[in-house]
C-alpha cells in the first residue's frame, strides 16, 4: 500500500504501459516506414516520423508518422510541398493537414496476423501457382513488370534483395508471374505489401501462396500491413485482424 506521505508529495511513479494492440500499431508503422525508406533511398528517421526533404518516387509518401505525438507543423516543414505529388502517411489518423493544403487521398486499416495463424479462406481448388523468392535483378524487374501491369521502371531496385526483404512470385504452368507480394522484416514482425494477381488469377491464391512462403522464410513472426475495401476483406479471410485506421494525405497544390 502506498504511504500517505508518498501520496501527499506526489512521489508515486506513473508508468504508462502500451496495450498489445498499440504496440502492434507502433510496430506496423515503423515497419512500413522502414520499407518506404528502403524503396525511396532517401530521408531520415526522427523520434516521431520518417520524412524526406526530397520528393519520393510515385506512390510513395514523403513522410510516415511513427507515433501519435507527431507534430503536423514539424512534419510539413521537413518535406517538399512545392512539388506535385507530395504526400504524408498519417499512421494513426491523428493529424489535421488540411490547413497546410493537404486533402485525404484514401483511408485504410492496419492489419495483423499472428504467427502460425491458420488459413481461414476456403480453398476452392488446389493451388495452381509455384511460389519462389526473387533473388536476382532480372527476376526483380520481371516481378515489377507483373506488379505494374506494363513494365519495370526500376522502382524496386536490386538493393532490396537483402536478407530483410523478400519479393515473392507465384508462377503459373507457363512460367509467367501470375501473382506476387513484397515483404520486409523489422524486429518481431514482417510487413506484407504490394499483393497482386494477374488477370484470371483469384486474389485468394496470392494471399495463400505469399503467406505460406513467408512462414517458411521467417517462421514464428507476426505479419502486419495495411489494406482497405475488398482487399481488407480478403486479408481478414486469411487470418488478419484490423488494428486501427490510417490516412494518406496528398498536397493539393
C-alpha atoms as a PDB file:
ATOM      1  CA  UNK A   1       0.000   0.000   0.000  1.00  0.00           C
ATOM      2  CA  UNK A   2       1.296   3.484  -0.852  1.00  0.00           C
ATOM      3  CA  UNK A   3       2.033   5.615   2.194  1.00  0.00           C
ATOM      4  CA  UNK A   4       0.086   8.855   2.877  1.00  0.00           C
ATOM      5  CA  UNK A   5       3.389  10.749   2.633  1.00  0.00           C
ATOM      6  CA  UNK A   6       4.042   9.439  -0.871  1.00  0.00           C
ATOM      7  CA  UNK A   7       0.545  10.370  -1.963  1.00  0.00           C
ATOM      8  CA  UNK A   8       0.862  13.840  -0.430  1.00  0.00           C
ATOM      9  CA  UNK A   9       4.172  14.691  -2.092  1.00  0.00           C
ATOM     10  CA  UNK A  10       3.352  13.179  -5.468  1.00  0.00           C
ATOM     11  CA  UNK A  11       6.232  10.756  -5.477  1.00  0.00           C
ATOM     12  CA  UNK A  12       4.200   7.860  -6.889  1.00  0.00           C
ATOM     13  CA  UNK A  13       5.797   6.963 -10.213  1.00  0.00           C
ATOM     14  CA  UNK A  14       3.461   6.982 -13.194  1.00  0.00           C
ATOM     15  CA  UNK A  15       4.216   4.244 -15.689  1.00  0.00           C
ATOM     16  CA  UNK A  16       2.191   4.111 -18.901  1.00  0.00           C
ATOM     17  CA  UNK A  17       2.177   0.653 -20.440  1.00  0.00           C
ATOM     18  CA  UNK A  18       1.135   0.420 -24.071  1.00  0.00           C
ATOM     19  CA  UNK A  19      -1.563  -2.114 -24.862  1.00  0.00           C
ATOM     20  CA  UNK A  20      -0.676  -5.062 -27.094  1.00  0.00           C
ATOM     21  CA  UNK A  21      -2.730  -3.501 -29.889  1.00  0.00           C
ATOM     22  CA  UNK A  22      -0.910  -0.183 -29.544  1.00  0.00           C
ATOM     23  CA  UNK A  23       2.449  -1.925 -29.610  1.00  0.00           C
ATOM     24  CA  UNK A  24       1.435  -3.730 -32.795  1.00  0.00           C
ATOM     25  CA  UNK A  25       0.326  -0.431 -34.337  1.00  0.00           C
ATOM     26  CA  UNK A  26       3.685   1.120 -33.494  1.00  0.00           C
ATOM     27  CA  UNK A  27       5.483  -1.908 -34.952  1.00  0.00           C
ATOM     28  CA  UNK A  28       3.385  -1.811 -38.128  1.00  0.00           C
ATOM     29  CA  UNK A  29       4.005   1.898 -38.643  1.00  0.00           C
ATOM     30  CA  UNK A  30       7.732   1.510 -38.090  1.00  0.00           C
ATOM     31  CA  UNK A  31       7.896  -1.490 -40.394  1.00  0.00           C
ATOM     32  CA  UNK A  32       6.143   0.409 -43.159  1.00  0.00           C
ATOM     33  CA  UNK A  33       8.359   3.454 -42.680  1.00  0.00           C
ATOM     34  CA  UNK A  34      11.448   1.239 -42.957  1.00  0.00           C
ATOM     35  CA  UNK A  35      10.045  -0.197 -46.183  1.00  0.00           C
ATOM     36  CA  UNK A  36       9.394   3.284 -47.609  1.00  0.00           C
ATOM     37  CA  UNK A  37      12.876   4.457 -46.635  1.00  0.00           C
ATOM     38  CA  UNK A  38      14.478   1.433 -48.315  1.00  0.00           C
ATOM     39  CA  UNK A  39      12.480   1.781 -51.540  1.00  0.00           C
ATOM     40  CA  UNK A  40      12.936   5.562 -51.755  1.00  0.00           C
ATOM     41  CA  UNK A  41      16.619   5.582 -50.731  1.00  0.00           C
ATOM     42  CA  UNK A  42      16.200   8.992 -49.131  1.00  0.00           C
ATOM     43  CA  UNK A  43      15.040  10.638 -45.915  1.00  0.00           C
ATOM     44  CA  UNK A  44      15.776  10.054 -42.270  1.00  0.00           C
ATOM     45  CA  UNK A  45      14.175   8.936 -39.026  1.00  0.00           C
ATOM     46  CA  UNK A  46      13.264  11.162 -36.118  1.00  0.00           C
ATOM     47  CA  UNK A  47      11.524  10.247 -32.868  1.00  0.00           C
ATOM     48  CA  UNK A  48       8.056  10.750 -34.330  1.00  0.00           C
ATOM     49  CA  UNK A  49       8.364  10.255 -38.099  1.00  0.00           C
ATOM     50  CA  UNK A  50      10.393   9.231 -41.094  1.00  0.00           C
ATOM     51  CA  UNK A  51      10.486  12.002 -43.692  1.00  0.00           C
ATOM     52  CA  UNK A  52      12.291  13.064 -46.836  1.00  0.00           C
ATOM     53  CA  UNK A  53      13.124  16.634 -47.789  1.00  0.00           C
ATOM     54  CA  UNK A  54      13.351  15.474 -51.416  1.00  0.00           C
ATOM     55  CA  UNK A  55      10.378  14.236 -53.393  1.00  0.00           C
ATOM     56  CA  UNK A  56       9.930  10.497 -53.251  1.00  0.00           C
ATOM     57  CA  UNK A  57       9.029   8.148 -56.151  1.00  0.00           C
ATOM     58  CA  UNK A  58       5.402   7.926 -57.321  1.00  0.00           C
ATOM     59  CA  UNK A  59       3.070   6.019 -54.973  1.00  0.00           C
ATOM     60  CA  UNK A  60       5.429   6.523 -52.019  1.00  0.00           C
ATOM     61  CA  UNK A  61       4.913   9.073 -49.213  1.00  0.00           C
ATOM     62  CA  UNK A  62       7.246  11.883 -48.283  1.00  0.00           C
ATOM     63  CA  UNK A  63       6.670  11.158 -44.593  1.00  0.00           C
ATOM     64  CA  UNK A  64       5.325   8.380 -42.380  1.00  0.00           C
ATOM     65  CA  UNK A  65       4.399   9.092 -38.773  1.00  0.00           C
ATOM     66  CA  UNK A  66       5.751   6.692 -36.154  1.00  0.00           C
ATOM     67  CA  UNK A  67       3.815   7.882 -33.091  1.00  0.00           C
ATOM     68  CA  UNK A  68       0.562   9.603 -32.229  1.00  0.00           C
ATOM     69  CA  UNK A  69       2.574  12.587 -30.991  1.00  0.00           C
ATOM     70  CA  UNK A  70       3.894  13.617 -34.406  1.00  0.00           C
ATOM     71  CA  UNK A  71       3.538  17.357 -34.997  1.00  0.00           C
ATOM     72  CA  UNK A  72       1.762  18.387 -38.178  1.00  0.00           C
ATOM     73  CA  UNK A  73       3.724  21.642 -38.365  1.00  0.00           C
ATOM     74  CA  UNK A  74       7.105  19.952 -37.912  1.00  0.00           C
ATOM     75  CA  UNK A  75       6.206  17.259 -40.426  1.00  0.00           C
ATOM     76  CA  UNK A  76       5.148  19.714 -43.133  1.00  0.00           C
ATOM     77  CA  UNK A  77       8.221  21.883 -42.530  1.00  0.00           C
ATOM     78  CA  UNK A  78      10.514  18.973 -43.364  1.00  0.00           C
ATOM     79  CA  UNK A  79       9.046  17.907 -46.724  1.00  0.00           C
ATOM     80  CA  UNK A  80       8.795  19.433 -50.190  1.00  0.00           C
ATOM     81  CA  UNK A  81       5.207  20.645 -50.511  1.00  0.00           C
ATOM     82  CA  UNK A  82       6.159  22.763 -53.505  1.00  0.00           C
ATOM     83  CA  UNK A  83       6.499  19.786 -55.839  1.00  0.00           C
ATOM     84  CA  UNK A  84       3.429  17.962 -57.202  1.00  0.00           C
ATOM     85  CA  UNK A  85       2.583  14.677 -55.544  1.00  0.00           C
ATOM     86  CA  UNK A  86       3.786  15.398 -52.011  1.00  0.00           C
ATOM     87  CA  UNK A  87       2.029  13.055 -49.569  1.00  0.00           C
ATOM     88  CA  UNK A  88       2.039  12.023 -45.915  1.00  0.00           C
ATOM     89  CA  UNK A  89       1.108   8.696 -44.373  1.00  0.00           C
ATOM     90  CA  UNK A  90      -0.667   9.583 -41.135  1.00  0.00           C
ATOM     91  CA  UNK A  91      -0.212   6.218 -39.436  1.00  0.00           C
ATOM     92  CA  UNK A  92      -2.684   6.862 -36.617  1.00  0.00           C
ATOM     93  CA  UNK A  93      -5.233   9.026 -38.462  1.00  0.00           C
ATOM     94  CA  UNK A  94      -4.375  11.663 -35.864  1.00  0.00           C
ATOM     95  CA  UNK A  95      -3.314  14.695 -37.916  1.00  0.00           C
ATOM     96  CA  UNK A  96      -5.218  17.550 -39.499  1.00  0.00           C
ATOM     97  CA  UNK A  97      -3.155  18.511 -42.516  1.00  0.00           C
ATOM     98  CA  UNK A  98      -5.946  20.403 -44.303  1.00  0.00           C
ATOM     99  CA  UNK A  99      -4.705  23.823 -43.073  1.00  0.00           C
ATOM    100  CA  UNK A 100      -1.369  23.046 -44.750  1.00  0.00           C
ATOM    101  CA  UNK A 101      -3.050  22.406 -48.114  1.00  0.00           C
ATOM    102  CA  UNK A 102      -3.476  18.638 -47.933  1.00  0.00           C
ATOM    103  CA  UNK A 103      -6.518  16.532 -48.753  1.00  0.00           C
ATOM    104  CA  UNK A 104      -7.248  12.956 -47.678  1.00  0.00           C
ATOM    105  CA  UNK A 105      -6.291  10.709 -50.592  1.00  0.00           C
ATOM    106  CA  UNK A 106      -7.528   7.481 -49.000  1.00  0.00           C
ATOM    107  CA  UNK A 107      -8.095   5.758 -45.679  1.00  0.00           C
ATOM    108  CA  UNK A 108      -7.152   2.207 -44.735  1.00  0.00           C
ATOM    109  CA  UNK A 109      -6.638  -0.073 -41.738  1.00  0.00           C
ATOM    110  CA  UNK A 110      -3.509  -1.604 -40.313  1.00  0.00           C
ATOM    111  CA  UNK A 111      -3.843  -5.373 -40.113  1.00  0.00           C
ATOM    112  CA  UNK A 112      -2.186  -8.085 -38.036  1.00  0.00           C
ATOM    113  CA  UNK A 113      -1.892 -11.840 -38.412  1.00  0.00           C
ATOM    114  CA  UNK A 114      -0.316 -13.762 -35.525  1.00  0.00           C
ATOM    115  CA  UNK A 115       2.475 -16.184 -36.243  1.00  0.00           C
ATOM    116  CA  UNK A 116       1.160 -19.639 -37.031  1.00  0.00           C
ATOM    117  CA  UNK A 117      -2.388 -18.487 -37.750  1.00  0.00           C
ATOM    118  CA  UNK A 118      -4.365 -20.936 -39.809  1.00  0.00           C
ATOM    119  CA  UNK A 119      -5.678 -20.004 -43.218  1.00  0.00           C
ATOM    120  CA  UNK A 120      -9.395 -19.298 -42.879  1.00  0.00           C
ATOM    121  CA  UNK A 121     -10.240 -18.717 -46.541  1.00  0.00           C
ATOM    122  CA  UNK A 122     -11.694 -21.849 -48.146  1.00  0.00           C
ATOM    123  CA  UNK A 123      -9.522 -23.454 -50.781  1.00  0.00           C
ATOM    124  CA  UNK A 124     -11.780 -23.610 -53.820  1.00  0.00           C
ATOM    125  CA  UNK A 125      -9.222 -25.621 -55.774  1.00  0.00           C
ATOM    126  CA  UNK A 126      -5.639 -26.806 -55.369  1.00  0.00           C
ATOM    127  CA  UNK A 127      -3.008 -24.089 -55.611  1.00  0.00           C
ATOM    128  CA  UNK A 128      -2.151 -23.579 -59.263  1.00  0.00           C
ATOM    129  CA  UNK A 129       0.975 -21.475 -58.772  1.00  0.00           C
ATOM    130  CA  UNK A 130       4.587 -22.313 -57.952  1.00  0.00           C
ATOM    131  CA  UNK A 131       5.951 -19.772 -55.471  1.00  0.00           C
ATOM    132  CA  UNK A 132       9.574 -18.676 -55.241  1.00  0.00           C
ATOM    133  CA  UNK A 133      11.577 -15.848 -53.718  1.00  0.00           C
ATOM    134  CA  UNK A 134      13.085 -13.389 -56.200  1.00  0.00           C
ATOM    135  CA  UNK A 135      16.880 -13.499 -55.916  1.00  0.00           C
ATOM    136  CA  UNK A 136      18.291 -11.671 -58.955  1.00  0.00           C
ATOM    137  CA  UNK A 137      17.951  -8.230 -60.526  1.00  0.00           C
ATOM    138  CA  UNK A 138      16.453  -9.580 -63.745  1.00  0.00           C
ATOM    139  CA  UNK A 139      13.817 -11.509 -61.814  1.00  0.00           C
ATOM    140  CA  UNK A 140      13.022  -8.376 -59.798  1.00  0.00           C
ATOM    141  CA  UNK A 141      12.458  -6.387 -62.992  1.00  0.00           C
ATOM    142  CA  UNK A 142      10.086  -9.112 -64.222  1.00  0.00           C
ATOM    143  CA  UNK A 143       8.287  -9.063 -60.852  1.00  0.00           C
ATOM    144  CA  UNK A 144       7.833  -5.275 -61.044  1.00  0.00           C
ATOM    145  CA  UNK A 145       6.530  -5.504 -64.603  1.00  0.00           C
ATOM    146  CA  UNK A 146       3.941  -8.071 -63.486  1.00  0.00           C
ATOM    147  CA  UNK A 147       3.020  -5.919 -60.477  1.00  0.00           C
ATOM    148  CA  UNK A 148       2.730  -2.751 -62.592  1.00  0.00           C
ATOM    149  CA  UNK A 149       0.937  -4.478 -65.444  1.00  0.00           C
ATOM    150  CA  UNK A 150       3.198  -2.802 -68.004  1.00  0.00           C
ATOM    151  CA  UNK A 151       6.940  -2.586 -67.474  1.00  0.00           C
ATOM    152  CA  UNK A 152       9.603  -2.144 -64.833  1.00  0.00           C
ATOM    153  CA  UNK A 153      10.689   1.407 -64.010  1.00  0.00           C
ATOM    154  CA  UNK A 154      13.353   0.394 -61.515  1.00  0.00           C
ATOM    155  CA  UNK A 155      11.264   1.481 -58.535  1.00  0.00           C
ATOM    156  CA  UNK A 156      12.123  -1.776 -56.781  1.00  0.00           C
ATOM    157  CA  UNK A 157      15.904  -1.696 -57.055  1.00  0.00           C
ATOM    158  CA  UNK A 158      18.368  -4.568 -56.525  1.00  0.00           C
ATOM    159  CA  UNK A 159      19.381  -3.095 -53.165  1.00  0.00           C
ATOM    160  CA  UNK A 160      16.095  -4.506 -51.855  1.00  0.00           C
ATOM    161  CA  UNK A 161      17.225  -8.082 -52.428  1.00  0.00           C
ATOM    162  CA  UNK A 162      18.733  -8.290 -48.957  1.00  0.00           C
ATOM    163  CA  UNK A 163      18.022 -10.685 -46.124  1.00  0.00           C
ATOM    164  CA  UNK A 164      15.389  -8.438 -44.539  1.00  0.00           C
ATOM    165  CA  UNK A 165      13.362  -8.094 -47.745  1.00  0.00           C
ATOM    166  CA  UNK A 166      11.503 -10.625 -49.860  1.00  0.00           C
ATOM    167  CA  UNK A 167       9.801 -10.367 -53.233  1.00  0.00           C
ATOM    168  CA  UNK A 168       7.590 -13.395 -53.775  1.00  0.00           C
ATOM    169  CA  UNK A 169       6.480 -14.552 -57.217  1.00  0.00           C
ATOM    170  CA  UNK A 170       3.760 -17.058 -57.998  1.00  0.00           C
ATOM    171  CA  UNK A 171       4.438 -18.659 -61.389  1.00  0.00           C
ATOM    172  CA  UNK A 172       1.782 -20.353 -63.473  1.00  0.00           C
ATOM    173  CA  UNK A 173       2.341 -23.508 -65.557  1.00  0.00           C
ATOM    174  CA  UNK A 174       3.795 -21.434 -68.396  1.00  0.00           C
ATOM    175  CA  UNK A 175       6.304 -19.764 -66.073  1.00  0.00           C
ATOM    176  CA  UNK A 176       4.502 -16.405 -66.117  1.00  0.00           C
ATOM    177  CA  UNK A 177       4.349 -14.394 -62.875  1.00  0.00           C
ATOM    178  CA  UNK A 178       0.626 -14.549 -62.141  1.00  0.00           C
ATOM    179  CA  UNK A 179       0.714 -13.274 -58.556  1.00  0.00           C
ATOM    180  CA  UNK A 180       3.120 -11.763 -56.082  1.00  0.00           C
ATOM    181  CA  UNK A 181       3.785  -9.860 -52.903  1.00  0.00           C
ATOM    182  CA  UNK A 182       6.598  -7.951 -51.209  1.00  0.00           C
ATOM    183  CA  UNK A 183       7.656  -8.166 -47.576  1.00  0.00           C
ATOM    184  CA  UNK A 184      10.164  -6.731 -45.126  1.00  0.00           C
ATOM    185  CA  UNK A 185      11.253  -7.823 -41.672  1.00  0.00           C
ATOM    186  CA  UNK A 186      11.742  -5.419 -38.774  1.00  0.00           C
ATOM    187  CA  UNK A 187      12.148  -6.697 -35.220  1.00  0.00           C
ATOM    188  CA  UNK A 188       9.481  -9.253 -34.448  1.00  0.00           C
ATOM    189  CA  UNK A 189       7.154  -8.505 -37.364  1.00  0.00           C
ATOM    190  CA  UNK A 190       7.070  -8.977 -41.117  1.00  0.00           C
ATOM    191  CA  UNK A 191       5.277  -6.392 -43.223  1.00  0.00           C
ATOM    192  CA  UNK A 192       3.428  -7.606 -46.326  1.00  0.00           C
ATOM    193  CA  UNK A 193       2.575  -5.225 -49.152  1.00  0.00           C
ATOM    194  CA  UNK A 194       2.026  -4.949 -52.895  1.00  0.00           C
ATOM    195  CA  UNK A 195      -0.039  -8.140 -53.043  1.00  0.00           C
ATOM    196  CA  UNK A 196      -1.216  -8.565 -56.629  1.00  0.00           C
ATOM    197  CA  UNK A 197      -2.643 -11.029 -59.126  1.00  0.00           C
ATOM    198  CA  UNK A 198      -2.688 -11.020 -62.908  1.00  0.00           C
ATOM    199  CA  UNK A 199      -5.965 -11.173 -64.789  1.00  0.00           C
ATOM    200  CA  UNK A 200      -7.664 -14.503 -64.322  1.00  0.00           C
ATOM    201  CA  UNK A 201      -5.892 -15.375 -61.077  1.00  0.00           C
ATOM    202  CA  UNK A 202      -8.051 -15.351 -57.913  1.00  0.00           C
ATOM    203  CA  UNK A 203      -6.879 -12.924 -55.219  1.00  0.00           C
ATOM    204  CA  UNK A 204      -7.035 -15.735 -52.662  1.00  0.00           C
ATOM    205  CA  UNK A 205      -4.188 -17.531 -54.411  1.00  0.00           C
ATOM    206  CA  UNK A 206      -1.889 -14.544 -53.938  1.00  0.00           C
ATOM    207  CA  UNK A 207      -2.556 -14.336 -50.219  1.00  0.00           C
ATOM    208  CA  UNK A 208      -2.425 -18.093 -49.651  1.00  0.00           C
ATOM    209  CA  UNK A 209       0.825 -18.524 -51.550  1.00  0.00           C
ATOM    210  CA  UNK A 210       2.548 -15.426 -50.184  1.00  0.00           C
ATOM    211  CA  UNK A 211       1.685 -16.199 -46.562  1.00  0.00           C
ATOM    212  CA  UNK A 212       2.859 -19.789 -46.911  1.00  0.00           C
ATOM    213  CA  UNK A 213       6.128 -18.579 -48.420  1.00  0.00           C
ATOM    214  CA  UNK A 214       6.661 -16.017 -45.653  1.00  0.00           C
ATOM    215  CA  UNK A 215       6.102 -18.615 -42.953  1.00  0.00           C
ATOM    216  CA  UNK A 216       8.966 -20.565 -44.475  1.00  0.00           C
ATOM    217  CA  UNK A 217      11.304 -17.575 -44.826  1.00  0.00           C
ATOM    218  CA  UNK A 218      10.662 -16.031 -41.404  1.00  0.00           C
ATOM    219  CA  UNK A 219       8.925 -18.629 -39.219  1.00  0.00           C
ATOM    220  CA  UNK A 220       7.484 -17.533 -35.913  1.00  0.00           C
ATOM    221  CA  UNK A 221       6.976 -13.871 -36.815  1.00  0.00           C
ATOM    222  CA  UNK A 222       3.697 -11.965 -36.840  1.00  0.00           C
ATOM    223  CA  UNK A 223       2.657 -10.405 -40.153  1.00  0.00           C
ATOM    224  CA  UNK A 224       1.427  -6.807 -40.417  1.00  0.00           C
ATOM    225  CA  UNK A 225       0.398  -4.485 -43.223  1.00  0.00           C
ATOM    226  CA  UNK A 226      -2.492  -2.297 -44.257  1.00  0.00           C
ATOM    227  CA  UNK A 227      -5.414  -2.692 -46.653  1.00  0.00           C
ATOM    228  CA  UNK A 228      -8.773  -1.127 -47.494  1.00  0.00           C
ATOM    229  CA  UNK A 229     -12.027  -2.075 -49.201  1.00  0.00           C
ATOM    230  CA  UNK A 230     -12.242  -5.510 -50.802  1.00  0.00           C
ATOM    231  CA  UNK A 231      -8.532  -6.103 -50.169  1.00  0.00           C
ATOM    232  CA  UNK A 232      -9.139  -5.630 -46.441  1.00  0.00           C
ATOM    233  CA  UNK A 233     -11.962  -8.181 -46.556  1.00  0.00           C
ATOM    234  CA  UNK A 234      -9.686 -10.639 -48.344  1.00  0.00           C
ATOM    235  CA  UNK A 235      -6.938 -10.159 -45.755  1.00  0.00           C
ATOM    236  CA  UNK A 236      -9.416 -10.784 -42.927  1.00  0.00           C
ATOM    237  CA  UNK A 237     -10.446 -14.037 -44.641  1.00  0.00           C
ATOM    238  CA  UNK A 238      -6.800 -15.065 -44.441  1.00  0.00           C
ATOM    239  CA  UNK A 239      -6.442 -14.628 -40.708  1.00  0.00           C
ATOM    240  CA  UNK A 240      -5.744 -10.901 -40.334  1.00  0.00           C
ATOM    241  CA  UNK A 241      -7.408  -8.630 -37.793  1.00  0.00           C
ATOM    242  CA  UNK A 242      -7.805  -4.854 -38.289  1.00  0.00           C
ATOM    243  CA  UNK A 243      -5.759  -2.889 -35.733  1.00  0.00           C
ATOM    244  CA  UNK A 244      -6.609   0.737 -36.369  1.00  0.00           C
ATOM    245  CA  UNK A 245      -7.071   3.375 -39.080  1.00  0.00           C
ATOM    246  CA  UNK A 246      -4.520   5.308 -41.083  1.00  0.00           C
ATOM    247  CA  UNK A 247      -4.831   8.113 -43.630  1.00  0.00           C
ATOM    248  CA  UNK A 248      -2.764   9.158 -46.595  1.00  0.00           C
ATOM    249  CA  UNK A 249      -2.820  12.893 -47.283  1.00  0.00           C
ATOM    250  CA  UNK A 250      -1.959  14.418 -50.660  1.00  0.00           C
ATOM    251  CA  UNK A 251      -0.885  18.032 -51.058  1.00  0.00           C
ATOM    252  CA  UNK A 252      -3.400  19.749 -53.327  1.00  0.00           C
ATOM    253  CA  UNK A 253      -1.058  22.368 -54.810  1.00  0.00           C
END
